[in-house]
Amino acid sequence: MKTLIATTALVLTAFSASAMVDTSAIQQYAPNADVSALTDAEVNTLLSVIHSGDSEGEKRAVVQAFLK
């Protein structure tokens, strides 16, 4: 029983953490993008690009190319 409760708590924590990812930064670089269809890995990749040290123009080009 303890294992079931612990597993359920872990699943719910993982679900809520992935649901709370702020995608507004992606919308800033690609305003018309539908980010709801992206996987967690794709969102994380785009956020990594956005938070990189590249110029704003390079970030915008990569994000928009990724979403096409």
PDB file of N, CA and C in Angstrom:
ATOM      1  N   MET A   1       0.818  -1.189   0.000  1.00  0.00           N
ATOM      2  CA  MET A   1       0.000   0.000   0.000  1.00  0.00           C
ATOM      3  C   MET A   1       0.863   1.254   0.000  1.00  0.00           C
ATOM      4  N   LYS A   2       1.941   1.223   0.786  1.00  0.00           N
ATOM      5  CA  LYS A   2       2.835   2.371   0.837  1.00  0.00           C
ATOM      6  C   LYS A   2       3.475   2.626  -0.526  1.00  0.00           C
ATOM      7  N   THR A   3       3.793   1.559  -1.231  1.00  0.00           N
ATOM      8  CA  THR A   3       4.394   1.697  -2.555  1.00  0.00           C
ATOM      9  C   THR A   3       3.419   2.353  -3.520  1.00  0.00           C
ATOM     10  N   LEU A   4       2.168   1.972  -3.461  1.00  0.00           N
ATOM     11  CA  LEU A   4       1.153   2.559  -4.327  1.00  0.00           C
ATOM     12  C   LEU A   4       0.994   4.052  -4.049  1.00  0.00           C
ATOM     13  N   ILE A   5       0.960   4.422  -2.800  1.00  0.00           N
ATOM     14  CA  ILE A   5       0.829   5.835  -2.444  1.00  0.00           C
ATOM     15  C   ILE A   5       2.052   6.620  -2.892  1.00  0.00           C
ATOM     16  N   ALA A   6       3.232   6.067  -2.668  1.00  0.00           N
ATOM     17  CA  ALA A   6       4.460   6.747  -3.062  1.00  0.00           C
ATOM     18  C   ALA A   6       4.544   6.902  -4.580  1.00  0.00           C
ATOM     19  N   THR A   7       4.168   5.873  -5.304  1.00  0.00           N
ATOM     20  CA  THR A   7       4.183   5.925  -6.765  1.00  0.00           C
ATOM     21  C   THR A   7       3.186   6.949  -7.286  1.00  0.00           C
ATOM     22  N   THR A   8       2.005   6.973  -6.712  1.00  0.00           N
ATOM     23  CA  THR A   8       0.990   7.942  -7.117  1.00  0.00           C
ATOM     24  C   THR A   8       1.461   9.366  -6.861  1.00  0.00           C
ATOM     25  N   ALA A   9       2.056   9.594  -5.712  1.00  0.00           N
ATOM     26  CA  ALA A   9       2.566  10.926  -5.383  1.00  0.00           C
ATOM     27  C   ALA A   9       3.667  11.342  -6.359  1.00  0.00           C
ATOM     28  N   LEU A  10       4.530  10.416  -6.716  1.00  0.00           N
ATOM     29  CA  LEU A  10       5.605  10.713  -7.656  1.00  0.00           C
ATOM     30  C   LEU A  10       5.059  11.057  -9.036  1.00  0.00           C
ATOM     31  N   VAL A  11       4.090  10.310  -9.503  1.00  0.00           N
ATOM     32  CA  VAL A  11       3.481  10.568 -10.810  1.00  0.00           C
ATOM     33  C   VAL A  11       2.795  11.923 -10.821  1.00  0.00           C
ATOM     34  N   LEU A  12       2.055  12.226  -9.775  1.00  0.00           N
ATOM     35  CA  LEU A  12       1.357  13.507  -9.710  1.00  0.00           C
ATOM     36  C   LEU A  12       2.328  14.672  -9.650  1.00  0.00           C
ATOM     37  N   THR A  13       3.434  14.504  -8.946  1.00  0.00           N
ATOM     38  CA  THR A  13       4.454  15.551  -8.875  1.00  0.00           C
ATOM     39  C   THR A  13       5.076  15.771 -10.241  1.00  0.00           C
ATOM     40  N   ALA A  14       5.399  14.713 -10.945  1.00  0.00           N
ATOM     41  CA  ALA A  14       5.989  14.842 -12.278  1.00  0.00           C
ATOM     42  C   ALA A  14       5.013  15.484 -13.243  1.00  0.00           C
ATOM     43  N   PHE A  15       3.746  15.114 -13.161  1.00  0.00           N
ATOM     44  CA  PHE A  15       2.728  15.682 -14.037  1.00  0.00           C
ATOM     45  C   PHE A  15       2.561  17.171 -13.781  1.00  0.00           C
ATOM     46  N   SER A  16       2.479  17.564 -12.530  1.00  0.00           N
ATOM     47  CA  SER A  16       2.272  18.978 -12.221  1.00  0.00           C
ATOM     48  C   SER A  16       3.497  19.799 -12.580  1.00  0.00           C
ATOM     49  N   ALA A  17       4.681  19.238 -12.464  1.00  0.00           N
ATOM     50  CA  ALA A  17       5.896  19.972 -12.835  1.00  0.00           C
ATOM     51  C   ALA A  17       5.942  20.211 -14.339  1.00  0.00           C
ATOM     52  N   SER A  18       5.555  19.222 -15.125  1.00  0.00           N
ATOM     53  CA  SER A  18       5.574  19.403 -16.571  1.00  0.00           C
ATOM     54  C   SER A  18       4.457  20.325 -17.026  1.00  0.00           C
ATOM     55  N   ALA A  19       3.361  20.352 -16.298  1.00  0.00           N
ATOM     56  CA  ALA A  19       2.244  21.213 -16.671  1.00  0.00           C
ATOM     57  C   ALA A  19       2.517  22.680 -16.362  1.00  0.00           C
ATOM     58  N   MET A  20       3.484  22.950 -15.481  1.00  0.00           N
ATOM     59  CA  MET A  20       3.754  24.312 -15.063  1.00  0.00           C
ATOM     60  C   MET A  20       4.855  24.992 -15.875  1.00  0.00           C
ATOM     61  N   VAL A  21       5.336  24.368 -16.921  1.00  0.00           N
ATOM     62  CA  VAL A  21       6.378  24.971 -17.738  1.00  0.00           C
ATOM     63  C   VAL A  21       5.828  26.235 -18.389  1.00  0.00           C
ATOM     64  N   ASP A  22       6.551  27.317 -18.223  1.00  0.00           N
ATOM     65  CA  ASP A  22       6.108  28.602 -18.760  1.00  0.00           C
ATOM     66  C   ASP A  22       6.563  28.711 -20.214  1.00  0.00           C
ATOM     67  N   THR A  23       5.613  28.695 -21.115  1.00  0.00           N
ATOM     68  CA  THR A  23       5.926  28.757 -22.535  1.00  0.00           C
ATOM     69  C   THR A  23       5.784  30.167 -23.108  1.00  0.00           C
ATOM     70  N   SER A  24       5.599  31.155 -22.250  1.00  0.00           N
ATOM     71  CA  SER A  24       5.428  32.525 -22.741  1.00  0.00           C
ATOM     72  C   SER A  24       6.684  33.030 -23.441  1.00  0.00           C
ATOM     73  N   ALA A  25       7.852  32.534 -23.050  1.00  0.00           N
ATOM     74  CA  ALA A  25       9.087  32.936 -23.722  1.00  0.00           C
ATOM     75  C   ALA A  25       9.085  32.452 -25.166  1.00  0.00           C
ATOM     76  N   ILE A  26       8.557  31.269 -25.411  1.00  0.00           N
ATOM     77  CA  ILE A  26       8.474  30.746 -26.779  1.00  0.00           C
ATOM     78  C   ILE A  26       7.534  31.623 -27.589  1.00  0.00           C
ATOM     79  N   GLN A  27       6.423  32.026 -26.987  1.00  0.00           N
ATOM     80  CA  GLN A  27       5.465  32.891 -27.677  1.00  0.00           C
ATOM     81  C   GLN A  27       6.082  34.242 -28.027  1.00  0.00           C
ATOM     82  N   GLN A  28       7.043  34.685 -27.251  1.00  0.00           N
ATOM     83  CA  GLN A  28       7.718  35.955 -27.535  1.00  0.00           C
ATOM     84  C   GLN A  28       8.520  35.865 -28.833  1.00  0.00           C
ATOM     85  N   TYR A  29       9.115  34.711 -29.091  1.00  0.00           N
ATOM     86  CA  TYR A  29       9.942  34.534 -30.292  1.00  0.00           C
ATOM     87  C   TYR A  29       9.148  34.018 -31.486  1.00  0.00           C
ATOM     88  N   ALA A  30       8.020  33.370 -31.225  1.00  0.00           N
ATOM     89  CA  ALA A  30       7.160  32.866 -32.296  1.00  0.00           C
ATOM     90  C   ALA A  30       5.712  33.093 -31.865  1.00  0.00           C
ATOM     91  N   PRO A  31       5.211  34.316 -32.073  1.00  0.00           N
ATOM     92  CA  PRO A  31       3.903  34.704 -31.523  1.00  0.00           C
ATOM     93  C   PRO A  31       2.720  33.829 -31.932  1.00  0.00           C
ATOM     94  N   ASN A  32       2.723  33.269 -33.102  1.00  0.00           N
ATOM     95  CA  ASN A  32       1.571  32.493 -33.569  1.00  0.00           C
ATOM     96  C   ASN A  32       1.758  30.988 -33.409  1.00  0.00           C
ATOM     97  N   ALA A  33       2.773  30.585 -32.688  1.00  0.00           N
ATOM     98  CA  ALA A  33       3.073  29.157 -32.550  1.00  0.00           C
ATOM     99  C   ALA A  33       2.092  28.475 -31.602  1.00  0.00           C
ATOM    100  N   ASP A  34       1.719  27.250 -31.950  1.00  0.00           N
ATOM    101  CA  ASP A  34       0.867  26.435 -31.096  1.00  0.00           C
ATOM    102  C   ASP A  34       1.769  25.539 -30.258  1.00  0.00           C
ATOM    103  N   VAL A  35       2.109  25.988 -29.064  1.00  0.00           N
ATOM    104  CA  VAL A  35       3.030  25.240 -28.215  1.00  0.00           C
ATOM    105  C   VAL A  35       2.353  24.100 -27.472  1.00  0.00           C
ATOM    106  N   SER A  36       1.034  24.025 -27.536  1.00  0.00           N
ATOM    107  CA  SER A  36       0.325  22.961 -26.830  1.00  0.00           C
ATOM    108  C   SER A  36       0.611  21.586 -27.437  1.00  0.00           C
ATOM    109  N   ALA A  37       1.003  21.549 -28.687  1.00  0.00           N
ATOM    110  CA  ALA A  37       1.272  20.277 -29.352  1.00  0.00           C
ATOM    111  C   ALA A  37       2.717  19.802 -29.172  1.00  0.00           C
ATOM    112  N   LEU A  38       3.556  20.606 -28.529  1.00  0.00           N
ATOM    113  CA  LEU A  38       4.964  20.260 -28.357  1.00  0.00           C
ATOM    114  C   LEU A  38       5.145  19.281 -27.206  1.00  0.00           C
ATOM    115  N   THR A  39       6.129  18.409 -27.348  1.00  0.00           N
ATOM    116  CA  THR A  39       6.474  17.499 -26.258  1.00  0.00           C
ATOM    117  C   THR A  39       7.304  18.258 -25.231  1.00  0.00           C
ATOM    118  N   ASP A  40       7.475  17.661 -24.072  1.00  0.00           N
ATOM    119  CA  ASP A  40       8.304  18.288 -23.036  1.00  0.00           C
ATOM    120  C   ASP A  40       9.738  18.478 -23.520  1.00  0.00           C
ATOM    121  N   ALA A  41      10.251  17.503 -24.246  1.00  0.00           N
ATOM    122  CA  ALA A  41      11.617  17.598 -24.756  1.00  0.00           C
ATOM    123  C   ALA A  41      11.755  18.757 -25.742  1.00  0.00           C
ATOM    124  N   GLU A  42      10.759  18.928 -26.597  1.00  0.00           N
ATOM    125  CA  GLU A  42      10.797  20.031 -27.564  1.00  0.00           C
ATOM    126  C   GLU A  42      10.718  21.384 -26.859  1.00  0.00           C
ATOM    127  N   VAL A  43       9.867  21.492 -25.860  1.00  0.00           N
ATOM    128  CA  VAL A  43       9.765  22.742 -25.095  1.00  0.00           C
ATOM    129  C   VAL A  43      11.087  23.043 -24.409  1.00  0.00           C
ATOM    130  N   ASN A  44      11.690  22.025 -23.809  1.00  0.00           N
ATOM    131  CA  ASN A  44      12.972  22.221 -23.129  1.00  0.00           C
ATOM    132  C   ASN A  44      14.063  22.635 -24.107  1.00  0.00           C
ATOM    133  N   THR A  45      14.055  22.072 -25.307  1.00  0.00           N
ATOM    134  CA  THR A  45      15.031  22.454 -26.326  1.00  0.00           C
ATOM    135  C   THR A  45      14.860  23.913 -26.704  1.00  0.00           C
ATOM    136  N   LEU A  46      13.619  24.325 -26.932  1.00  0.00           N
ATOM    137  CA  LEU A  46      13.369  25.720 -27.298  1.00  0.00           C
ATOM    138  C   LEU A  46      13.737  26.668 -26.173  1.00  0.00           C
ATOM    139  N   LEU A  47      13.442  26.303 -24.940  1.00  0.00           N
ATOM    140  CA  LEU A  47      13.799  27.159 -23.813  1.00  0.00           C
ATOM    141  C   LEU A  47      15.314  27.244 -23.639  1.00  0.00           C
ATOM    142  N   SER A  48      16.018  26.180 -23.956  1.00  0.00           N
ATOM    143  CA  SER A  48      17.483  26.212 -23.914  1.00  0.00           C
ATOM    144  C   SER A  48      18.035  27.186 -24.946  1.00  0.00           C
ATOM    145  N   VAL A  49      17.448  27.170 -26.121  1.00  0.00           N
ATOM    146  CA  VAL A  49      17.860  28.108 -27.166  1.00  0.00           C
ATOM    147  C   VAL A  49      17.586  29.540 -26.719  1.00  0.00           C
ATOM    148  N   ILE A  50      16.414  29.764 -26.154  1.00  0.00           N
ATOM    149  CA  ILE A  50      16.012  31.107 -25.745  1.00  0.00           C
ATOM    150  C   ILE A  50      16.913  31.645 -24.634  1.00  0.00           C
ATOM    151  N   HIS A  51      17.352  30.780 -23.751  1.00  0.00           N
ATOM    152  CA  HIS A  51      18.184  31.212 -22.629  1.00  0.00           C
ATOM    153  C   HIS A  51      19.678  31.119 -22.931  1.00  0.00           C
ATOM    154  N   SER A  52      20.013  30.845 -24.180  1.00  0.00           N
ATOM    155  CA  SER A  52      21.421  30.769 -24.559  1.00  0.00           C
ATOM    156  C   SER A  52      22.002  32.177 -24.717  1.00  0.00           C
ATOM    157  N   GLY A  53      23.261  32.248 -25.002  1.00  0.00           N
ATOM    158  CA  GLY A  53      23.930  33.532 -25.147  1.00  0.00           C
ATOM    159  C   GLY A  53      23.897  34.089 -26.557  1.00  0.00           C
ATOM    160  N   ASP A  54      23.151  33.467 -27.437  1.00  0.00           N
ATOM    161  CA  ASP A  54      23.063  33.940 -28.820  1.00  0.00           C
ATOM    162  C   ASP A  54      22.348  35.286 -28.877  1.00  0.00           C
ATOM    163  N   SER A  55      22.469  35.941 -30.016  1.00  0.00           N
ATOM    164  CA  SER A  55      21.773  37.215 -30.201  1.00  0.00           C
ATOM    165  C   SER A  55      20.271  36.974 -30.315  1.00  0.00           C
ATOM    166  N   GLU A  56      19.497  38.018 -30.109  1.00  0.00           N
ATOM    167  CA  GLU A  56      18.043  37.902 -30.181  1.00  0.00           C
ATOM    168  C   GLU A  56      17.582  37.452 -31.568  1.00  0.00           C
ATOM    169  N   GLY A  57      18.237  37.956 -32.613  1.00  0.00           N
ATOM    170  CA  GLY A  57      17.882  37.562 -33.975  1.00  0.00           C
ATOM    171  C   GLY A  57      18.144  36.093 -34.241  1.00  0.00           C
ATOM    172  N   GLU A  58      19.279  35.595 -33.720  1.00  0.00           N
ATOM    173  CA  GLU A  58      19.599  34.178 -33.897  1.00  0.00           C
ATOM    174  C   GLU A  58      18.603  33.296 -33.137  1.00  0.00           C
ATOM    175  N   LYS A  59      18.264  33.711 -31.921  1.00  0.00           N
ATOM    176  CA  LYS A  59      17.287  32.949 -31.131  1.00  0.00           C
ATOM    177  C   LYS A  59      15.947  32.883 -31.862  1.00  0.00           C
ATOM    178  N   ARG A  60      15.497  34.028 -32.369  1.00  0.00           N
ATOM    179  CA  ARG A  60      14.208  34.090 -33.067  1.00  0.00           C
ATOM    180  C   ARG A  60      14.238  33.184 -34.295  1.00  0.00           C
ATOM    181  N   ALA A  61      15.327  33.214 -35.054  1.00  0.00           N
ATOM    182  CA  ALA A  61      15.436  32.390 -36.271  1.00  0.00           C
ATOM    183  C   ALA A  61      15.410  30.900 -35.931  1.00  0.00           C
ATOM    184  N   VAL A  62      16.127  30.504 -34.889  1.00  0.00           N
ATOM    185  CA  VAL A  62      16.173  29.086 -34.518  1.00  0.00           C
ATOM    186  C   VAL A  62      14.809  28.617 -34.007  1.00  0.00           C
ATOM    187  N   VAL A  63      14.169  29.419 -33.158  1.00  0.00           N
ATOM    188  CA  VAL A  63      12.861  29.033 -32.614  1.00  0.00           C
ATOM    189  C   VAL A  63      11.837  28.920 -33.741  1.00  0.00           C
ATOM    190  N   GLN A  64      11.805  29.889 -34.630  1.00  0.00           N
ATOM    191  CA  GLN A  64      10.839  29.849 -35.714  1.00  0.00           C
ATOM    192  C   GLN A  64      11.116  28.704 -36.678  1.00  0.00           C
ATOM    193  N   ALA A  65      12.386  28.407 -36.951  1.00  0.00           N
ATOM    194  CA  ALA A  65      12.724  27.281 -37.813  1.00  0.00           C
ATOM    195  C   ALA A  65      12.340  25.961 -37.169  1.00  0.00           C
ATOM    196  N   PHE A  66      12.535  25.858 -35.888  1.00  0.00           N
ATOM    197  CA  PHE A  66      12.201  24.636 -35.158  1.00  0.00           C
ATOM    198  C   PHE A  66      10.701  24.361 -35.207  1.00  0.00           C
ATOM    199  N   LEU A  67       9.914  25.421 -35.141  1.00  0.00           N
ATOM    200  CA  LEU A  67       8.457  25.275 -35.086  1.00  0.00           C
ATOM    201  C   LEU A  67       7.796  25.094 -36.443  1.00  0.00           C
ATOM    202  N   LYS A  68       8.539  25.254 -37.525  1.00  0.00           N
ATOM    203  CA  LYS A  68       7.955  25.076 -38.871  1.00  0.00           C
ATOM    204  C   LYS A  68       7.846  23.636 -39.231  1.00  0.00           C
TER     205      LYS A  68
END
